[in-house]
N, C-alpha and C. Protein backbone atom coordinates (compact mmCIF):
# COMPACT_ATOMS: atom_id res chain seq x y z
N UNK A 1 0.86 -1.17 0.00
CA UNK A 1 0.00 0.00 0.00
C UNK A 1 0.91 1.23 0.00
N UNK A 2 0.61 2.17 -0.91
CA UNK A 2 1.40 3.38 -1.02
C UNK A 2 1.10 4.37 0.09
N UNK A 3 1.97 5.37 0.22
CA UNK A 3 1.79 6.37 1.28
C UNK A 3 0.51 7.16 1.08
N UNK A 4 0.07 7.34 -0.18
CA UNK A 4 -1.18 8.06 -0.43
C UNK A 4 -2.36 7.31 0.18
N UNK A 5 -2.41 5.97 -0.04
CA UNK A 5 -3.51 5.19 0.51
C UNK A 5 -3.47 5.16 2.05
N UNK A 6 -2.30 5.04 2.63
CA UNK A 6 -2.17 5.01 4.09
C UNK A 6 -2.64 6.34 4.68
N UNK A 7 -2.18 7.44 4.11
CA UNK A 7 -2.58 8.75 4.61
C UNK A 7 -4.07 8.99 4.41
N UNK A 8 -4.62 8.50 3.30
CA UNK A 8 -6.05 8.65 3.05
C UNK A 8 -6.85 7.87 4.09
N UNK A 9 -6.42 6.64 4.43
CA UNK A 9 -7.11 5.87 5.45
C UNK A 9 -7.03 6.58 6.80
N UNK A 10 -5.86 7.15 7.12
CA UNK A 10 -5.71 7.90 8.37
C UNK A 10 -6.66 9.08 8.40
N UNK A 11 -6.70 9.86 7.31
CA UNK A 11 -7.58 11.02 7.24
C UNK A 11 -9.04 10.61 7.36
N UNK A 12 -9.44 9.55 6.65
CA UNK A 12 -10.82 9.08 6.71
C UNK A 12 -11.17 8.62 8.13
N UNK A 13 -10.24 8.01 8.83
CA UNK A 13 -10.48 7.60 10.21
C UNK A 13 -10.72 8.78 11.12
N UNK A 14 -9.96 9.87 10.90
CA UNK A 14 -10.16 11.07 11.71
C UNK A 14 -11.51 11.70 11.44
N UNK A 15 -11.89 11.79 10.17
CA UNK A 15 -13.13 12.48 9.84
C UNK A 15 -14.36 11.64 10.10
N UNK A 16 -14.19 10.33 10.34
CA UNK A 16 -15.37 9.48 10.60
C UNK A 16 -15.74 9.44 12.07
N UNK A 17 -14.98 10.12 12.92
CA UNK A 17 -15.42 10.20 14.31
C UNK A 17 -14.46 9.59 15.32
N UNK A 18 -13.45 8.81 14.89
CA UNK A 18 -12.56 8.25 15.89
C UNK A 18 -11.68 9.36 16.44
N UNK A 19 -11.78 9.63 17.72
CA UNK A 19 -11.00 10.69 18.34
C UNK A 19 -11.36 12.07 17.83
N UNK A 20 -12.59 12.22 17.35
CA UNK A 20 -12.96 13.43 16.64
C UNK A 20 -12.83 14.69 17.47
N UNK A 21 -13.07 14.60 18.79
CA UNK A 21 -13.05 15.82 19.59
C UNK A 21 -11.65 16.40 19.63
N UNK A 22 -10.67 15.60 19.96
CA UNK A 22 -9.30 16.10 20.04
C UNK A 22 -8.81 16.54 18.67
N UNK A 23 -9.13 15.77 17.65
CA UNK A 23 -8.63 16.08 16.31
C UNK A 23 -9.32 17.28 15.70
N UNK A 24 -10.61 17.44 15.97
CA UNK A 24 -11.35 18.53 15.35
C UNK A 24 -11.02 19.87 15.97
N UNK A 25 -10.48 19.90 17.18
CA UNK A 25 -10.18 21.17 17.82
C UNK A 25 -8.99 21.86 17.15
N UNK A 26 -8.13 21.12 16.61
CA UNK A 26 -6.96 21.71 15.95
C UNK A 26 -7.14 21.61 14.44
N UNK A 27 -6.68 22.62 13.74
CA UNK A 27 -6.70 22.52 12.28
C UNK A 27 -5.53 21.63 11.90
N UNK A 28 -5.82 20.52 11.25
CA UNK A 28 -4.78 19.55 10.93
C UNK A 28 -4.50 19.62 9.44
N UNK A 29 -3.27 19.84 9.12
CA UNK A 29 -2.88 19.84 7.72
C UNK A 29 -1.71 18.87 7.57
N UNK A 30 -1.79 18.04 6.58
CA UNK A 30 -0.67 17.15 6.32
C UNK A 30 -0.60 16.87 4.83
N UNK A 31 0.55 16.47 4.39
CA UNK A 31 0.75 16.19 2.97
C UNK A 31 0.60 14.71 2.73
N UNK A 32 -0.16 14.39 1.69
CA UNK A 32 -0.29 13.01 1.24
C UNK A 32 0.65 12.88 0.04
N UNK A 33 1.63 12.04 0.20
CA UNK A 33 2.66 11.97 -0.82
C UNK A 33 2.56 10.65 -1.57
N UNK A 34 2.41 10.76 -2.87
CA UNK A 34 2.45 9.61 -3.75
C UNK A 34 3.80 9.69 -4.46
N UNK A 35 4.16 8.71 -5.21
CA UNK A 35 5.48 8.70 -5.84
C UNK A 35 5.70 9.92 -6.73
N UNK A 36 4.65 10.46 -7.39
CA UNK A 36 4.84 11.60 -8.29
C UNK A 36 4.10 12.85 -7.85
N UNK A 37 3.10 12.72 -7.00
CA UNK A 37 2.21 13.84 -6.73
C UNK A 37 2.15 14.13 -5.23
N UNK A 38 2.09 15.40 -4.90
CA UNK A 38 1.92 15.79 -3.50
C UNK A 38 0.53 16.39 -3.35
N UNK A 39 -0.20 15.96 -2.31
CA UNK A 39 -1.55 16.43 -2.04
C UNK A 39 -1.55 17.09 -0.67
N UNK A 40 -2.35 18.13 -0.52
CA UNK A 40 -2.51 18.76 0.78
C UNK A 40 -3.98 18.67 1.16
N UNK A 41 -4.24 18.12 2.33
CA UNK A 41 -5.60 17.95 2.81
C UNK A 41 -5.69 18.65 4.16
N UNK A 42 -6.76 19.39 4.36
CA UNK A 42 -6.92 20.11 5.61
C UNK A 42 -8.23 19.72 6.28
N UNK A 43 -8.15 19.42 7.57
CA UNK A 43 -9.34 19.15 8.38
C UNK A 43 -9.51 20.37 9.27
N UNK A 44 -10.43 21.24 8.90
CA UNK A 44 -10.61 22.50 9.62
C UNK A 44 -11.58 22.30 10.78
N UNK A 45 -11.41 23.13 11.78
CA UNK A 45 -12.31 23.09 12.92
C UNK A 45 -13.68 23.59 12.50
N UNK A 46 -14.71 22.85 12.85
CA UNK A 46 -16.09 23.24 12.57
C UNK A 46 -16.56 24.13 13.71
N UNK A 47 -17.19 25.24 13.37
CA UNK A 47 -17.79 26.11 14.37
C UNK A 47 -19.30 26.04 14.25
N UNK A 48 -19.96 25.95 15.39
CA UNK A 48 -21.41 26.00 15.44
C UNK A 48 -21.81 27.31 16.09
N UNK A 49 -22.73 28.02 15.48
CA UNK A 49 -23.23 29.26 16.04
C UNK A 49 -24.68 29.06 16.43
N UNK A 50 -25.16 29.94 17.30
CA UNK A 50 -26.55 29.85 17.70
C UNK A 50 -27.00 31.13 18.37
N UNK A 51 -28.31 31.21 18.58
CA UNK A 51 -28.87 32.37 19.25
C UNK A 51 -30.22 32.02 19.84
N UNK A 52 -30.65 32.88 20.76
CA UNK A 52 -31.97 32.74 21.36
C UNK A 52 -33.02 33.29 20.40
N UNK A 53 -34.28 33.21 20.79
CA UNK A 53 -35.38 33.68 19.96
C UNK A 53 -35.29 35.17 19.65
N UNK A 54 -34.95 35.98 20.64
CA UNK A 54 -34.92 37.44 20.42
C UNK A 54 -33.57 37.93 19.88
N UNK A 55 -32.55 37.08 19.91
CA UNK A 55 -31.24 37.47 19.38
C UNK A 55 -30.32 38.13 20.39
N UNK A 56 -30.77 38.31 21.62
CA UNK A 56 -29.95 38.93 22.68
C UNK A 56 -28.74 38.07 23.04
N UNK A 57 -28.93 36.75 23.08
CA UNK A 57 -27.86 35.82 23.42
C UNK A 57 -27.40 35.12 22.15
N UNK A 58 -26.09 35.14 21.93
CA UNK A 58 -25.50 34.42 20.80
C UNK A 58 -24.33 33.59 21.32
N UNK A 59 -23.95 32.58 20.56
CA UNK A 59 -22.80 31.78 20.95
C UNK A 59 -22.09 31.19 19.75
N UNK A 60 -20.85 30.79 19.99
CA UNK A 60 -20.04 30.05 19.02
C UNK A 60 -19.43 28.88 19.77
N UNK A 61 -19.56 27.68 19.21
CA UNK A 61 -18.94 26.49 19.77
C UNK A 61 -17.96 25.95 18.74
N UNK A 62 -16.72 25.74 19.16
CA UNK A 62 -15.68 25.25 18.24
C UNK A 62 -15.57 23.73 18.32
N UNK A 63 -15.45 23.12 17.16
CA UNK A 63 -15.26 21.68 17.09
C UNK A 63 -16.57 20.92 17.10
N UNK A 64 -16.43 19.62 16.99
CA UNK A 64 -17.60 18.74 17.02
C UNK A 64 -18.03 18.51 18.46
N UNK A 65 -19.33 18.35 18.70
CA UNK A 65 -19.77 18.04 20.06
C UNK A 65 -19.25 16.67 20.50
N UNK A 66 -19.09 16.52 21.81
CA UNK A 66 -18.68 15.23 22.35
C UNK A 66 -19.80 14.20 22.15
N UNK A 67 -21.04 14.67 22.28
CA UNK A 67 -22.19 13.78 22.09
C UNK A 67 -23.43 14.65 21.87
N UNK A 68 -24.39 14.10 21.15
CA UNK A 68 -25.70 14.73 20.97
C UNK A 68 -26.72 13.80 21.62
N UNK A 69 -27.46 14.35 22.59
CA UNK A 69 -28.36 13.52 23.39
C UNK A 69 -29.77 14.09 23.43
N UNK A 70 -30.72 13.18 23.50
CA UNK A 70 -32.13 13.53 23.73
C UNK A 70 -32.45 13.07 25.14
N UNK A 71 -33.05 13.96 25.94
CA UNK A 71 -33.33 13.64 27.34
C UNK A 71 -34.82 13.78 27.64
N UNK A 72 -35.35 12.77 28.34
CA UNK A 72 -36.76 12.75 28.72
C UNK A 72 -36.97 12.89 30.22
N UNK A 73 -35.96 13.34 30.97
CA UNK A 73 -36.14 13.48 32.42
C UNK A 73 -37.21 14.54 32.70
N UNK A 74 -37.77 14.49 33.88
CA UNK A 74 -38.85 15.41 34.24
C UNK A 74 -38.41 16.87 34.12
N UNK A 75 -37.19 17.17 34.56
CA UNK A 75 -36.70 18.55 34.51
C UNK A 75 -36.58 19.05 33.07
N UNK A 76 -36.05 18.23 32.19
CA UNK A 76 -35.92 18.64 30.78
C UNK A 76 -37.29 18.80 30.12
N UNK A 77 -38.23 17.93 30.46
CA UNK A 77 -39.58 18.06 29.91
C UNK A 77 -40.22 19.37 30.38
N UNK A 78 -40.04 19.71 31.65
CA UNK A 78 -40.62 20.96 32.16
C UNK A 78 -39.91 22.17 31.56
N UNK A 79 -38.61 22.07 31.37
CA UNK A 79 -37.85 23.16 30.77
C UNK A 79 -38.32 23.44 29.34
N UNK A 80 -38.52 22.37 28.58
CA UNK A 80 -38.87 22.54 27.16
C UNK A 80 -40.36 22.75 26.94
N UNK A 81 -41.17 22.33 27.90
CA UNK A 81 -42.62 22.40 27.71
C UNK A 81 -43.12 21.33 26.78
N UNK A 82 -42.31 20.32 26.51
CA UNK A 82 -42.68 19.22 25.64
C UNK A 82 -42.11 17.93 26.23
N UNK A 83 -42.00 16.88 25.45
CA UNK A 83 -41.60 15.58 25.96
C UNK A 83 -40.12 15.34 26.13
N UNK A 84 -39.28 16.26 25.65
CA UNK A 84 -37.84 16.04 25.73
C UNK A 84 -37.08 17.32 25.38
N UNK A 85 -35.79 17.26 25.60
CA UNK A 85 -34.87 18.27 25.08
C UNK A 85 -33.83 17.53 24.24
N UNK A 86 -33.17 18.26 23.35
CA UNK A 86 -32.06 17.70 22.58
C UNK A 86 -30.91 18.68 22.71
N UNK A 87 -29.75 18.17 23.07
CA UNK A 87 -28.60 19.03 23.27
C UNK A 87 -27.31 18.43 22.77
N UNK A 88 -26.35 19.30 22.48
CA UNK A 88 -25.02 18.90 22.03
C UNK A 88 -24.01 19.32 23.09
N UNK A 89 -23.28 18.35 23.64
CA UNK A 89 -22.32 18.62 24.70
C UNK A 89 -20.96 19.01 24.12
N UNK A 90 -20.42 20.11 24.63
CA UNK A 90 -19.11 20.61 24.22
C UNK A 90 -18.24 20.84 25.45
N UNK A 91 -16.94 20.86 25.25
CA UNK A 91 -16.02 21.30 26.28
C UNK A 91 -16.31 22.78 26.52
N UNK A 92 -16.42 23.19 27.76
CA UNK A 92 -16.76 24.58 28.11
C UNK A 92 -15.79 25.58 27.50
N UNK A 93 -14.51 25.21 27.41
CA UNK A 93 -13.51 26.11 26.84
C UNK A 93 -13.72 26.36 25.35
N UNK A 94 -14.49 25.51 24.69
CA UNK A 94 -14.73 25.64 23.26
C UNK A 94 -15.94 26.50 22.94
N UNK A 95 -16.63 27.01 23.98
CA UNK A 95 -17.87 27.76 23.78
C UNK A 95 -17.70 29.19 24.28
N UNK A 96 -18.11 30.13 23.43
CA UNK A 96 -18.10 31.55 23.79
C UNK A 96 -19.54 32.06 23.67
N UNK A 97 -20.05 32.64 24.77
CA UNK A 97 -21.44 33.11 24.82
C UNK A 97 -21.46 34.59 25.12
N UNK A 98 -22.29 35.34 24.37
CA UNK A 98 -22.48 36.77 24.64
C UNK A 98 -23.97 37.03 24.89
N UNK A 99 -24.26 38.03 25.69
CA UNK A 99 -25.64 38.38 25.99
C UNK A 99 -25.97 38.09 27.44
N UNK A 100 -27.10 38.61 27.88
CA UNK A 100 -27.50 38.47 29.27
C UNK A 100 -28.26 37.17 29.50
N UNK A 101 -27.69 36.34 30.38
CA UNK A 101 -28.31 35.06 30.73
C UNK A 101 -28.83 35.10 32.16
N UNK A 102 -29.86 34.34 32.41
CA UNK A 102 -30.32 34.05 33.76
C UNK A 102 -30.11 32.56 33.97
N UNK A 103 -29.98 32.16 35.24
CA UNK A 103 -29.73 30.75 35.54
C UNK A 103 -30.74 30.23 36.56
N UNK A 104 -31.01 28.94 36.44
CA UNK A 104 -31.81 28.23 37.41
C UNK A 104 -31.01 27.01 37.82
N UNK A 105 -30.85 26.78 39.13
CA UNK A 105 -30.08 25.64 39.64
C UNK A 105 -30.97 24.70 40.43
N UNK A 106 -30.68 23.41 40.33
CA UNK A 106 -31.38 22.40 41.13
C UNK A 106 -30.46 21.21 41.35
N UNK A 107 -30.83 20.35 42.28
CA UNK A 107 -30.08 19.12 42.53
C UNK A 107 -30.73 17.98 41.77
N UNK A 108 -29.90 17.19 41.09
CA UNK A 108 -30.42 16.03 40.36
C UNK A 108 -30.73 14.90 41.35
N UNK A 109 -31.35 13.85 40.85
CA UNK A 109 -31.64 12.67 41.67
C UNK A 109 -30.36 12.06 42.24
N UNK A 110 -29.24 12.27 41.57
CA UNK A 110 -27.96 11.72 42.01
C UNK A 110 -27.17 12.70 42.89
N UNK A 111 -27.76 13.85 43.16
CA UNK A 111 -27.13 14.80 44.06
C UNK A 111 -26.18 15.78 43.41
N UNK A 112 -26.11 15.78 42.09
CA UNK A 112 -25.24 16.75 41.41
C UNK A 112 -26.00 18.05 41.18
N UNK A 113 -25.26 19.13 41.10
CA UNK A 113 -25.86 20.44 40.84
C UNK A 113 -26.03 20.60 39.33
N UNK A 114 -27.24 20.92 38.90
CA UNK A 114 -27.54 21.15 37.49
C UNK A 114 -27.88 22.63 37.33
N UNK A 115 -27.29 23.25 36.34
CA UNK A 115 -27.55 24.66 36.04
C UNK A 115 -28.16 24.74 34.65
N UNK A 116 -29.28 25.41 34.54
CA UNK A 116 -29.91 25.68 33.25
C UNK A 116 -29.80 27.18 33.01
N UNK A 117 -29.21 27.56 31.87
CA UNK A 117 -29.05 28.98 31.54
C UNK A 117 -29.97 29.31 30.38
N UNK A 118 -30.61 30.47 30.48
CA UNK A 118 -31.57 30.88 29.46
C UNK A 118 -31.47 32.38 29.25
N UNK A 119 -31.95 32.85 28.10
CA UNK A 119 -31.94 34.27 27.79
C UNK A 119 -32.78 35.01 28.82
N UNK A 120 -32.21 36.08 29.38
CA UNK A 120 -32.93 36.86 30.39
C UNK A 120 -34.08 37.65 29.78
N UNK A 121 -34.09 37.85 28.46
CA UNK A 121 -35.14 38.62 27.81
C UNK A 121 -36.28 37.74 27.31
N UNK A 122 -35.97 36.72 26.48
CA UNK A 122 -37.04 35.92 25.86
C UNK A 122 -37.24 34.56 26.52
N UNK A 123 -36.32 34.13 27.37
CA UNK A 123 -36.48 32.87 28.08
C UNK A 123 -36.01 31.63 27.33
N UNK A 124 -35.47 31.79 26.12
CA UNK A 124 -34.99 30.61 25.38
C UNK A 124 -33.92 29.87 26.17
N UNK A 125 -34.06 28.55 26.34
CA UNK A 125 -33.00 27.79 27.01
C UNK A 125 -31.76 27.74 26.12
N UNK A 126 -30.60 28.08 26.67
CA UNK A 126 -29.36 28.12 25.89
C UNK A 126 -28.47 26.92 26.19
N UNK A 127 -28.23 26.65 27.47
CA UNK A 127 -27.38 25.51 27.81
C UNK A 127 -27.72 24.98 29.19
N UNK A 128 -27.22 23.79 29.44
CA UNK A 128 -27.27 23.18 30.75
C UNK A 128 -25.89 22.68 31.10
N UNK A 129 -25.59 22.63 32.39
CA UNK A 129 -24.34 22.00 32.84
C UNK A 129 -24.62 21.26 34.13
N UNK A 130 -23.77 20.27 34.39
CA UNK A 130 -23.98 19.36 35.50
C UNK A 130 -22.63 19.12 36.17
N UNK A 131 -22.57 19.17 37.50
CA UNK A 131 -21.30 18.96 38.18
C UNK A 131 -20.75 17.55 37.99
N UNK A 132 -21.56 16.63 37.51
CA UNK A 132 -21.07 15.27 37.19
C UNK A 132 -20.23 15.25 35.91
N UNK A 133 -20.35 16.29 35.09
CA UNK A 133 -19.54 16.40 33.87
C UNK A 133 -18.83 17.75 33.87
N UNK A 134 -17.88 17.93 34.80
CA UNK A 134 -17.20 19.22 34.91
C UNK A 134 -16.45 19.57 33.62
N UNK A 135 -16.40 20.87 33.33
CA UNK A 135 -15.70 21.32 32.14
C UNK A 135 -16.48 21.16 30.85
N UNK A 136 -17.76 20.83 30.97
CA UNK A 136 -18.60 20.65 29.78
C UNK A 136 -19.92 21.38 29.97
N UNK A 137 -20.53 21.73 28.85
CA UNK A 137 -21.89 22.25 28.87
C UNK A 137 -22.62 21.72 27.66
N UNK A 138 -23.94 21.67 27.77
CA UNK A 138 -24.76 21.12 26.69
C UNK A 138 -25.63 22.23 26.12
N UNK A 139 -25.35 22.59 24.86
CA UNK A 139 -26.12 23.62 24.16
C UNK A 139 -27.39 23.01 23.60
N UNK A 140 -28.50 23.75 23.70
CA UNK A 140 -29.76 23.24 23.17
C UNK A 140 -29.72 23.28 21.64
N UNK A 141 -30.03 22.17 21.02
CA UNK A 141 -29.94 22.07 19.56
C UNK A 141 -30.93 22.99 18.85
N UNK A 142 -32.06 23.28 19.49
CA UNK A 142 -33.05 24.15 18.87
C UNK A 142 -32.57 25.59 18.70
N UNK A 143 -31.52 25.99 19.42
CA UNK A 143 -30.98 27.34 19.29
C UNK A 143 -29.79 27.39 18.35
N UNK A 144 -29.34 26.24 17.87
CA UNK A 144 -28.11 26.15 17.08
C UNK A 144 -28.41 26.21 15.58
N UNK A 145 -27.55 26.92 14.86
CA UNK A 145 -27.63 26.99 13.39
C UNK A 145 -26.83 25.85 12.76
N UNK A 146 -27.18 25.47 11.57
CA UNK A 146 -26.37 24.54 10.78
C UNK A 146 -26.16 23.18 11.42
N UNK A 147 -27.23 22.56 11.86
CA UNK A 147 -27.12 21.27 12.55
C UNK A 147 -27.51 20.08 11.68
N UNK A 148 -27.60 20.27 10.38
CA UNK A 148 -28.11 19.20 9.52
C UNK A 148 -27.28 17.93 9.57
N UNK A 149 -26.00 18.03 9.89
CA UNK A 149 -25.16 16.83 9.93
C UNK A 149 -25.13 16.18 11.32
N UNK A 150 -25.72 16.83 12.32
CA UNK A 150 -25.74 16.25 13.66
C UNK A 150 -26.90 15.26 13.81
N UNK A 151 -26.66 14.19 14.51
CA UNK A 151 -27.66 13.16 14.76
C UNK A 151 -27.72 12.88 16.25
N UNK A 152 -28.88 12.53 16.75
CA UNK A 152 -29.00 12.10 18.14
C UNK A 152 -28.24 10.79 18.27
N UNK A 153 -27.32 10.75 19.24
CA UNK A 153 -26.49 9.57 19.45
C UNK A 153 -26.96 8.73 20.63
N UNK A 154 -27.68 9.34 21.55
CA UNK A 154 -28.13 8.63 22.73
C UNK A 154 -29.42 9.26 23.25
N UNK A 155 -30.30 8.43 23.78
CA UNK A 155 -31.52 8.90 24.43
C UNK A 155 -31.40 8.51 25.89
N UNK A 156 -31.61 9.49 26.79
CA UNK A 156 -31.51 9.21 28.21
C UNK A 156 -32.86 9.45 28.89
N UNK A 157 -33.07 8.78 29.99
CA UNK A 157 -34.34 8.79 30.71
C UNK A 157 -35.49 8.34 29.81
N UNK A 158 -35.23 7.34 29.01
CA UNK A 158 -36.25 6.75 28.13
C UNK A 158 -37.44 6.27 28.95
N UNK A 159 -37.18 5.80 30.15
CA UNK A 159 -38.27 5.32 31.01
C UNK A 159 -39.29 6.41 31.31
N UNK A 160 -38.87 7.68 31.23
CA UNK A 160 -39.74 8.81 31.54
C UNK A 160 -40.40 9.43 30.29
N UNK A 161 -40.15 8.84 29.14
CA UNK A 161 -40.72 9.39 27.90
C UNK A 161 -42.23 9.24 27.92
N UNK A 162 -42.97 10.36 27.75
CA UNK A 162 -44.43 10.27 27.73
C UNK A 162 -44.92 9.52 26.48
N UNK A 163 -46.03 8.82 26.60
CA UNK A 163 -46.56 8.07 25.46
C UNK A 163 -46.88 8.99 24.29
N UNK A 164 -47.21 10.24 24.55
CA UNK A 164 -47.57 11.18 23.48
C UNK A 164 -46.34 11.78 22.80
N UNK A 165 -45.13 11.45 23.25
CA UNK A 165 -43.92 11.96 22.61
C UNK A 165 -43.37 10.95 21.60
N UNK A 166 -44.26 10.24 20.96
CA UNK A 166 -43.93 9.30 19.88
C UNK A 166 -44.90 9.58 18.75
N UNK A 167 -44.40 9.59 17.54
CA UNK A 167 -45.27 9.86 16.40
C UNK A 167 -45.73 8.55 15.78
N UNK A 168 -47.04 8.38 15.69
CA UNK A 168 -47.62 7.18 15.09
C UNK A 168 -47.70 7.29 13.59
N UNK A 169 -48.01 6.18 12.96
CA UNK A 169 -48.11 6.14 11.49
C UNK A 169 -49.26 6.98 10.96
N UNK A 170 -50.28 7.22 11.78
CA UNK A 170 -51.45 7.95 11.31
C UNK A 170 -51.36 9.46 11.54
N UNK A 171 -50.22 9.95 12.00
CA UNK A 171 -50.04 11.39 12.23
C UNK A 171 -49.89 12.10 10.89
N UNK A 172 -50.61 13.19 10.72
CA UNK A 172 -50.55 13.98 9.48
C UNK A 172 -49.42 15.00 9.60
N UNK A 173 -48.60 15.14 8.56
CA UNK A 173 -47.48 16.08 8.55
C UNK A 173 -47.75 17.21 7.57
N UNK A 174 -47.38 18.43 7.93
CA UNK A 174 -47.48 19.60 7.06
C UNK A 174 -46.09 20.20 6.91
N UNK A 175 -45.72 20.61 5.72
CA UNK A 175 -44.42 21.24 5.48
C UNK A 175 -44.29 22.57 6.22
N UNK A 176 -45.36 23.31 6.35
CA UNK A 176 -45.37 24.60 7.04
C UNK A 176 -46.65 24.70 7.87
N UNK A 177 -46.91 25.87 8.44
CA UNK A 177 -48.14 26.08 9.21
C UNK A 177 -49.35 25.88 8.31
N UNK A 178 -50.24 24.95 8.63
CA UNK A 178 -51.40 24.71 7.76
C UNK A 178 -52.46 25.80 7.94
N UNK A 179 -53.30 25.95 6.95
CA UNK A 179 -54.43 26.87 7.04
C UNK A 179 -55.57 26.08 7.67
N UNK A 180 -55.51 25.93 8.98
CA UNK A 180 -56.43 25.07 9.72
C UNK A 180 -56.92 25.81 10.95
N UNK A 181 -58.17 25.61 11.28
CA UNK A 181 -58.77 26.18 12.49
C UNK A 181 -59.61 25.12 13.15
N UNK A 182 -59.73 25.17 14.49
CA UNK A 182 -60.61 24.21 15.16
C UNK A 182 -62.05 24.34 14.65
N UNK A 183 -62.77 23.25 14.65
CA UNK A 183 -64.14 23.24 14.13
C UNK A 183 -65.09 24.04 14.98
N UNK A 184 -64.85 24.25 16.26
CA UNK A 184 -65.77 25.01 17.14
C UNK A 184 -65.63 26.49 16.92
């Protein structure tokens, strides 16, 4: 196997997720050398931006999230006003937030301190952090731009998922807000 194929396999391994957090934080450039041709391939750090509903709070997160999770715990359901929240966990040092935030703190069932931060103006939930995962925070995916390549990797508190937080085969879908009114 030539050096081009070996370097290509190495690059593909990095971009497919193995060690992605450490590798994605740094811009990695290396030369792929074949017997006659030199190639330069760059793996640039991905930045995720986001904002609250009113635009007062904005953020930038550098690199790929450590994990994307959907949570059905009672606190997350009450926070979202629906059956779950979805968030992307990042190293705290990789996230820069501007704007006025308010915080709400509570103790989890396991005794850890959980902090939920939200826009002080419009109330949009921005992030959560937990003392069980120091140095990390979880940004709410609904406030994040450009998330089409992110997928939910884990569902937690599945036991607490309400029966109505599942879509059946007979549910009607609309591309946008339908022109519909209640019959009464």
